[in-house]
Amino acid sequence: MYFLIDFENVSNEGLKGSEYLLGEDTVVIFYSHTCERIEQGYLSQIMESFCCLDICKLKKSGKNALDFYIATKIGEIFGSGYSGKAAIVSRDQGFMAVRDYWRCRGRVFREVVLGPDLEQCILSANENRMRTARIREKRKPVKLETEFARYEERIKIRKVLEKTFAETSYGKELGTIQELFEKRSGKKILYLDSVKTFGRRDGLEIYRKMKELA
C-alpha cells in the first residue's frame, strides 16, 4: 500500500500508526523547509518496518504547492499500472477531489483513502489483514466499570504473587508468572505452560507455588 504524507499539514501527529507498516508498503513524506524535523521514534519505526521510504522536499514555495506534488504523485503511481490502494495522510479536505476523481473519473476504479494519520488510513483502507484487526481491537469501545474491575483484580493478583515469590529468586519473572497464572485453564495446562516457559526444574517449582493459589 502507498502512503503519501503531507508532513507540512500533519507534522509528527500524522505518523501515528507507523508501527503497523509492512515491508511491502511504500511511504513518501512530502515536506518543505518549514517542517524539516521529524520525531526519531516515528522515523525509527518506519525504517524498522523495511518499507520502501522516500522523501520529497518542496523545491519552490507557493500556495498549495505540496498538494499539487501529492496529487501528481498519485497520478504517477496509478499511471504506472499500480492497482492497489493509496492513502493520503493529511487533514486537508481538498484531497477529497483527488479521491473522487479516481473513484468516478478514472478509466478504471482506483481507491484513494484519506486520513489525518497512518493508523486512520490503514483502518479506512479496510484491508483483510492482521494490522487492520489489531487497530480495530485497540479502538473497540469498552465499559469503563468492567475494565476497572479487571484492573483491580490484576492488582490484587499481583500483590498475592509478590508475597508468594518474595523469598525466591523468581521475583524478576513476576510479569511472566502473572501472565501464566491469569490465562490458566486448569492445573494441567498451568503445569505444562510453566515447564515450557521456565524449563523443567524452575517451571515445576513455580508451578507448585502457583498451584496453591489456583
C-alpha atoms as a PDB file:
ATOM      1  CA  MET A   1       0.000   0.000   0.000  1.00  0.00           C
ATOM      2  CA  TYR A   2       1.177   3.540  -0.764  1.00  0.00           C
ATOM      3  CA  PHE A   3       1.137   6.218   1.944  1.00  0.00           C
ATOM      4  CA  LEU A   4       1.707   9.814   0.825  1.00  0.00           C
ATOM      5  CA  ILE A   5       2.248  12.010   3.877  1.00  0.00           C
ATOM      6  CA  ASP A   6       1.510  15.735   3.748  1.00  0.00           C
ATOM      7  CA  PHE A   7       4.041  16.386   6.511  1.00  0.00           C
ATOM      8  CA  GLU A   8       3.646  20.152   6.296  1.00  0.00           C
ATOM      9  CA  ASN A   9      -0.008  19.660   7.183  1.00  0.00           C
ATOM     10  CA  VAL A  10       0.008  16.824   9.731  1.00  0.00           C
ATOM     11  CA  SER A  11       3.547  17.042  11.168  1.00  0.00           C
ATOM     12  CA  ASN A  12       4.574  14.229  13.546  1.00  0.00           C
ATOM     13  CA  GLU A  13       0.967  13.543  14.547  1.00  0.00           C
ATOM     14  CA  GLY A  14       0.391  12.139  11.076  1.00  0.00           C
ATOM     15  CA  LEU A  15       2.922   9.366  11.723  1.00  0.00           C
ATOM     16  CA  LYS A  16       0.772   7.774  14.430  1.00  0.00           C
ATOM     17  CA  GLY A  17       0.401   4.132  13.427  1.00  0.00           C
ATOM     18  CA  SER A  18       3.878   3.786  11.912  1.00  0.00           C
ATOM     19  CA  GLU A  19       4.286   0.580  13.937  1.00  0.00           C
ATOM     20  CA  TYR A  20       1.733  -1.057  11.607  1.00  0.00           C
ATOM     21  CA  LEU A  21       3.742  -0.511   8.418  1.00  0.00           C
ATOM     22  CA  LEU A  22       4.837  -3.581   6.448  1.00  0.00           C
ATOM     23  CA  GLY A  23       7.813  -4.299   4.275  1.00  0.00           C
ATOM     24  CA  GLU A  24       5.609  -4.257   1.180  1.00  0.00           C
ATOM     25  CA  ASP A  25       4.348  -0.714   1.879  1.00  0.00           C
ATOM     26  CA  THR A  26       5.703   2.454   0.288  1.00  0.00           C
ATOM     27  CA  VAL A  27       5.869   5.676   2.313  1.00  0.00           C
ATOM     28  CA  VAL A  28       6.590   9.052   0.716  1.00  0.00           C
ATOM     29  CA  ILE A  29       6.988  12.054   3.021  1.00  0.00           C
ATOM     30  CA  PHE A  30       6.310  15.412   1.368  1.00  0.00           C
ATOM     31  CA  TYR A  31       7.788  18.335   3.277  1.00  0.00           C
ATOM     32  CA  SER A  32       9.159  21.869   2.972  1.00  0.00           C
ATOM     33  CA  HIS A  33      11.823  23.978   4.658  1.00  0.00           C
ATOM     34  CA  THR A  34       9.246  24.917   7.333  1.00  0.00           C
ATOM     35  CA  CYS A  35       8.886  21.308   8.526  1.00  0.00           C
ATOM     36  CA  GLU A  36      12.225  19.555   8.215  1.00  0.00           C
ATOM     37  CA  ARG A  37      12.368  17.873  11.630  1.00  0.00           C
ATOM     38  CA  ILE A  38      10.762  14.536  12.427  1.00  0.00           C
ATOM     39  CA  GLU A  39      10.478  12.638  15.721  1.00  0.00           C
ATOM     40  CA  GLN A  40      13.185   9.988  15.953  1.00  0.00           C
ATOM     41  CA  GLY A  41      10.789   7.420  17.409  1.00  0.00           C
ATOM     42  CA  TYR A  42       8.425   7.547  14.434  1.00  0.00           C
ATOM     43  CA  LEU A  43      11.256   7.577  11.916  1.00  0.00           C
ATOM     44  CA  SER A  44      12.826   4.531  13.570  1.00  0.00           C
ATOM     45  CA  GLN A  45       9.542   2.612  13.373  1.00  0.00           C
ATOM     46  CA  ILE A  46       9.184   3.466   9.685  1.00  0.00           C
ATOM     47  CA  MET A  47      12.731   2.351   8.921  1.00  0.00           C
ATOM     48  CA  GLU A  48      12.476  -0.804  11.024  1.00  0.00           C
ATOM     49  CA  SER A  49       9.390  -1.883   9.045  1.00  0.00           C
ATOM     50  CA  PHE A  50      11.653  -2.202   5.969  1.00  0.00           C
ATOM     51  CA  CYS A  51       9.010  -0.464   3.881  1.00  0.00           C
ATOM     52  CA  CYS A  52      10.099   1.490   0.824  1.00  0.00           C
ATOM     53  CA  LEU A  53      10.715   5.009   2.182  1.00  0.00           C
ATOM     54  CA  ASP A  54      11.145   8.120   0.056  1.00  0.00           C
ATOM     55  CA  ILE A  55      11.154  11.834   0.852  1.00  0.00           C
ATOM     56  CA  CYS A  56      10.183  14.736  -1.379  1.00  0.00           C
ATOM     57  CA  LYS A  57      11.087  18.293  -0.453  1.00  0.00           C
ATOM     58  CA  LEU A  58       9.206  21.223  -1.940  1.00  0.00           C
ATOM     59  CA  LYS A  59      11.531  22.967  -4.396  1.00  0.00           C
ATOM     60  CA  LYS A  60       9.770  26.313  -4.532  1.00  0.00           C
ATOM     61  CA  SER A  61       7.167  27.516  -2.059  1.00  0.00           C
ATOM     62  CA  GLY A  62       3.718  28.555  -3.216  1.00  0.00           C
ATOM     63  CA  LYS A  63       0.062  28.251  -2.302  1.00  0.00           C
ATOM     64  CA  ASN A  64      -0.957  24.575  -2.146  1.00  0.00           C
ATOM     65  CA  ALA A  65       2.347  23.624  -3.782  1.00  0.00           C
ATOM     66  CA  LEU A  66       2.804  20.422  -1.773  1.00  0.00           C
ATOM     67  CA  ASP A  67      -0.801  19.464  -2.527  1.00  0.00           C
ATOM     68  CA  PHE A  68      -0.011  19.572  -6.239  1.00  0.00           C
ATOM     69  CA  TYR A  69       3.081  17.441  -5.636  1.00  0.00           C
ATOM     70  CA  ILE A  70       0.972  14.811  -3.893  1.00  0.00           C
ATOM     71  CA  ALA A  71      -1.809  14.866  -6.493  1.00  0.00           C
ATOM     72  CA  THR A  72       0.808  14.479  -9.231  1.00  0.00           C
ATOM     73  CA  LYS A  73       2.421  11.564  -7.393  1.00  0.00           C
ATOM     74  CA  ILE A  74      -0.943   9.797  -7.144  1.00  0.00           C
ATOM     75  CA  GLY A  75      -1.296  10.087 -10.918  1.00  0.00           C
ATOM     76  CA  GLU A  76       2.234   8.765 -11.377  1.00  0.00           C
ATOM     77  CA  ILE A  77       1.549   5.775  -9.120  1.00  0.00           C
ATOM     78  CA  PHE A  78      -1.679   4.713 -10.814  1.00  0.00           C
ATOM     79  CA  GLY A  79      -0.351   5.613 -14.250  1.00  0.00           C
ATOM     80  CA  SER A  80       2.499   3.148 -13.761  1.00  0.00           C
ATOM     81  CA  GLY A  81      -0.017   0.324 -13.508  1.00  0.00           C
ATOM     82  CA  TYR A  82      -0.324   0.042  -9.732  1.00  0.00           C
ATOM     83  CA  SER A  83      -3.778  -1.334  -8.873  1.00  0.00           C
ATOM     84  CA  GLY A  84      -3.618  -1.364  -5.062  1.00  0.00           C
ATOM     85  CA  LYS A  85      -4.802   1.238  -2.592  1.00  0.00           C
ATOM     86  CA  ALA A  86      -3.128   4.587  -1.958  1.00  0.00           C
ATOM     87  CA  ALA A  87      -3.543   6.756   1.126  1.00  0.00           C
ATOM     88  CA  ILE A  88      -3.062  10.485   1.536  1.00  0.00           C
ATOM     89  CA  VAL A  89      -2.207  11.386   5.111  1.00  0.00           C
ATOM     90  CA  SER A  90      -3.497  14.921   5.536  1.00  0.00           C
ATOM     91  CA  ARG A  91      -6.188  16.976   7.231  1.00  0.00           C
ATOM     92  CA  ASP A  92      -6.648  18.990   4.045  1.00  0.00           C
ATOM     93  CA  GLN A  93     -10.168  18.297   2.784  1.00  0.00           C
ATOM     94  CA  GLY A  94      -9.134  19.432  -0.691  1.00  0.00           C
ATOM     95  CA  PHE A  95      -7.746  15.944  -1.294  1.00  0.00           C
ATOM     96  CA  MET A  96     -11.314  14.665  -1.432  1.00  0.00           C
ATOM     97  CA  ALA A  97     -11.266  15.851  -5.050  1.00  0.00           C
ATOM     98  CA  VAL A  98      -8.334  13.524  -5.787  1.00  0.00           C
ATOM     99  CA  ARG A  99     -10.159  10.639  -4.135  1.00  0.00           C
ATOM    100  CA  ASP A 100     -13.373  11.341  -6.035  1.00  0.00           C
ATOM    101  CA  TYR A 101     -11.597  11.644  -9.385  1.00  0.00           C
ATOM    102  CA  TRP A 102     -10.094   8.173  -9.138  1.00  0.00           C
ATOM    103  CA  ARG A 103     -13.377   6.721  -7.938  1.00  0.00           C
ATOM    104  CA  CYS A 104     -15.539   8.253 -10.627  1.00  0.00           C
ATOM    105  CA  ARG A 105     -13.481   9.668 -13.480  1.00  0.00           C
ATOM    106  CA  GLY A 106     -10.524   7.356 -13.898  1.00  0.00           C
ATOM    107  CA  ARG A 107     -10.571   4.830 -16.749  1.00  0.00           C
ATOM    108  CA  VAL A 108     -10.563   2.114 -14.092  1.00  0.00           C
ATOM    109  CA  PHE A 109     -11.541   2.314 -10.425  1.00  0.00           C
ATOM    110  CA  ARG A 110      -8.645   3.158  -8.111  1.00  0.00           C
ATOM    111  CA  GLU A 111      -9.032   3.528  -4.353  1.00  0.00           C
ATOM    112  CA  VAL A 112      -7.592   6.589  -2.594  1.00  0.00           C
ATOM    113  CA  VAL A 113      -8.218   6.807   1.154  1.00  0.00           C
ATOM    114  CA  LEU A 114      -7.773   9.885   3.296  1.00  0.00           C
ATOM    115  CA  GLY A 115      -6.926  10.281   6.964  1.00  0.00           C
ATOM    116  CA  PRO A 116      -5.110  12.513   9.453  1.00  0.00           C
ATOM    117  CA  ASP A 117      -2.582   9.791  10.326  1.00  0.00           C
ATOM    118  CA  LEU A 118      -1.243   6.433   9.160  1.00  0.00           C
ATOM    119  CA  GLU A 119      -3.393   4.484  11.591  1.00  0.00           C
ATOM    120  CA  GLN A 120      -6.642   6.006  10.355  1.00  0.00           C
ATOM    121  CA  CYS A 121      -5.629   5.480   6.730  1.00  0.00           C
ATOM    122  CA  ILE A 122      -4.918   1.800   7.365  1.00  0.00           C
ATOM    123  CA  LEU A 123      -8.323   1.472   9.025  1.00  0.00           C
ATOM    124  CA  SER A 124     -10.082   3.316   6.183  1.00  0.00           C
ATOM    125  CA  ALA A 125      -8.414   1.075   3.602  1.00  0.00           C
ATOM    126  CA  ASN A 126     -10.303  -1.842   5.205  1.00  0.00           C
ATOM    127  CA  GLU A 127      -7.711  -4.411   4.200  1.00  0.00           C
ATOM    128  CA  ASN A 128      -8.277  -8.024   5.154  1.00  0.00           C
ATOM    129  CA  ARG A 129      -5.075  -8.048   7.195  1.00  0.00           C
ATOM    130  CA  MET A 130      -3.923  -8.596  10.742  1.00  0.00           C
ATOM    131  CA  ARG A 131      -2.889  -4.949  11.173  1.00  0.00           C
ATOM    132  CA  THR A 132      -6.438  -3.770  10.470  1.00  0.00           C
ATOM    133  CA  ALA A 133      -7.802  -6.222  13.033  1.00  0.00           C
ATOM    134  CA  ARG A 134      -5.243  -5.017  15.599  1.00  0.00           C
ATOM    135  CA  ILE A 135      -6.249  -1.396  15.140  1.00  0.00           C
ATOM    136  CA  ARG A 136      -9.947  -2.244  15.389  1.00  0.00           C
ATOM    137  CA  GLU A 137      -9.327  -4.232  18.564  1.00  0.00           C
ATOM    138  CA  LYS A 138      -7.383  -1.331  20.076  1.00  0.00           C
ATOM    139  CA  ARG A 139     -10.146   1.133  19.231  1.00  0.00           C
ATOM    140  CA  LYS A 140     -13.006  -1.078  20.360  1.00  0.00           C
ATOM    141  CA  PRO A 141     -15.087   0.731  23.000  1.00  0.00           C
ATOM    142  CA  VAL A 142     -15.224  -0.992  26.371  1.00  0.00           C
ATOM    143  CA  LYS A 143     -17.217  -0.375  29.519  1.00  0.00           C
ATOM    144  CA  LEU A 144     -15.148   1.623  31.983  1.00  0.00           C
ATOM    145  CA  GLU A 145     -16.533  -0.038  35.122  1.00  0.00           C
ATOM    146  CA  THR A 146     -15.898  -3.534  33.750  1.00  0.00           C
ATOM    147  CA  GLU A 147     -12.324  -2.759  32.762  1.00  0.00           C
ATOM    148  CA  PHE A 148     -11.632  -1.049  36.074  1.00  0.00           C
ATOM    149  CA  ALA A 149     -12.848  -4.138  37.920  1.00  0.00           C
ATOM    150  CA  ARG A 150     -10.418  -6.256  35.865  1.00  0.00           C
ATOM    151  CA  TYR A 151      -7.647  -3.812  36.681  1.00  0.00           C
ATOM    152  CA  GLU A 152      -8.353  -4.075  40.401  1.00  0.00           C
ATOM    153  CA  GLU A 153      -8.368  -7.881  40.153  1.00  0.00           C
ATOM    154  CA  ARG A 154      -4.979  -7.836  38.398  1.00  0.00           C
ATOM    155  CA  ILE A 155      -3.531  -5.597  41.119  1.00  0.00           C
ATOM    156  CA  LYS A 156      -4.864  -7.991  43.751  1.00  0.00           C
ATOM    157  CA  ILE A 157      -3.275 -10.983  41.967  1.00  0.00           C
ATOM    158  CA  ARG A 158      -0.010  -9.100  41.621  1.00  0.00           C
ATOM    159  CA  LYS A 159       0.187  -8.445  45.342  1.00  0.00           C
ATOM    160  CA  VAL A 160      -0.512 -12.104  46.145  1.00  0.00           C
ATOM    161  CA  LEU A 161       2.187 -13.253  43.693  1.00  0.00           C
ATOM    162  CA  GLU A 162       4.697 -10.749  45.077  1.00  0.00           C
ATOM    163  CA  LYS A 163       4.110 -12.153  48.549  1.00  0.00           C
ATOM    164  CA  THR A 164       4.265 -15.773  47.333  1.00  0.00           C
ATOM    165  CA  PHE A 165       7.559 -15.336  45.467  1.00  0.00           C
ATOM    166  CA  ALA A 166       9.130 -12.774  47.807  1.00  0.00           C
ATOM    167  CA  GLU A 167      11.659 -15.209  49.261  1.00  0.00           C
ATOM    168  CA  THR A 168      12.551 -16.821  45.930  1.00  0.00           C
ATOM    169  CA  SER A 169      14.850 -15.981  43.042  1.00  0.00           C
ATOM    170  CA  TYR A 170      11.891 -15.572  40.679  1.00  0.00           C
ATOM    171  CA  GLY A 171      10.947 -12.033  41.638  1.00  0.00           C
ATOM    172  CA  LYS A 172      12.206 -10.615  38.350  1.00  0.00           C
ATOM    173  CA  GLU A 173       9.915 -13.019  36.472  1.00  0.00           C
ATOM    174  CA  LEU A 174       6.702 -11.828  38.128  1.00  0.00           C
ATOM    175  CA  GLY A 175       5.334 -10.329  34.917  1.00  0.00           C
ATOM    176  CA  THR A 176       5.585 -13.642  33.061  1.00  0.00           C
ATOM    177  CA  ILE A 177       4.376 -15.608  36.083  1.00  0.00           C
ATOM    178  CA  GLN A 178       1.291 -13.417  36.390  1.00  0.00           C
ATOM    179  CA  GLU A 179       0.573 -13.832  32.684  1.00  0.00           C
ATOM    180  CA  LEU A 180       0.650 -17.612  33.048  1.00  0.00           C
ATOM    181  CA  PHE A 181      -1.470 -17.515  36.186  1.00  0.00           C
ATOM    182  CA  GLU A 182      -4.150 -15.279  34.660  1.00  0.00           C
ATOM    183  CA  LYS A 183      -4.595 -17.333  31.494  1.00  0.00           C
ATOM    184  CA  ARG A 184      -4.677 -20.685  33.348  1.00  0.00           C
ATOM    185  CA  SER A 185      -7.409 -23.104  32.289  1.00  0.00           C
ATOM    186  CA  GLY A 186      -6.767 -25.926  34.717  1.00  0.00           C
ATOM    187  CA  LYS A 187      -3.795 -27.150  36.728  1.00  0.00           C
ATOM    188  CA  LYS A 188      -2.521 -29.447  33.994  1.00  0.00           C
ATOM    189  CA  ILE A 189      -2.275 -26.587  31.474  1.00  0.00           C
ATOM    190  CA  LEU A 190      -0.731 -24.351  34.124  1.00  0.00           C
ATOM    191  CA  TYR A 191       1.911 -27.013  34.770  1.00  0.00           C
ATOM    192  CA  LEU A 192       2.693 -27.513  31.074  1.00  0.00           C
ATOM    193  CA  ASP A 193       2.915 -23.759  30.436  1.00  0.00           C
ATOM    194  CA  SER A 194       5.214 -23.281  33.437  1.00  0.00           C
ATOM    195  CA  VAL A 195       7.611 -26.017  32.339  1.00  0.00           C
ATOM    196  CA  LYS A 196       7.560 -24.812  28.734  1.00  0.00           C
ATOM    197  CA  THR A 197       8.326 -21.238  29.797  1.00  0.00           C
ATOM    198  CA  PHE A 198      10.846 -21.783  32.594  1.00  0.00           C
ATOM    199  CA  GLY A 199      12.248 -25.254  32.000  1.00  0.00           C
ATOM    200  CA  ARG A 200      11.539 -28.414  33.979  1.00  0.00           C
ATOM    201  CA  ARG A 201      13.278 -27.587  37.287  1.00  0.00           C
ATOM    202  CA  ASP A 202      12.285 -23.934  37.651  1.00  0.00           C
ATOM    203  CA  GLY A 203       8.926 -24.471  35.984  1.00  0.00           C
ATOM    204  CA  LEU A 204       7.987 -27.201  38.437  1.00  0.00           C
ATOM    205  CA  GLU A 205       8.923 -25.049  41.422  1.00  0.00           C
ATOM    206  CA  ILE A 206       6.984 -22.069  40.087  1.00  0.00           C
ATOM    207  CA  TYR A 207       4.002 -24.270  39.277  1.00  0.00           C
ATOM    208  CA  ARG A 208       3.886 -25.682  42.812  1.00  0.00           C
ATOM    209  CA  LYS A 209       3.652 -22.215  44.253  1.00  0.00           C
ATOM    210  CA  MET A 210       1.010 -21.079  41.765  1.00  0.00           C
ATOM    211  CA  LYS A 211      -0.975 -24.298  42.264  1.00  0.00           C
ATOM    212  CA  GLU A 212      -1.581 -23.319  45.879  1.00  0.00           C
ATOM    213  CA  LEU A 213      -3.199 -20.108  44.674  1.00  0.00           C
ATOM    214  CA  ALA A 214      -5.200 -21.506  41.745  1.00  0.00           C
END
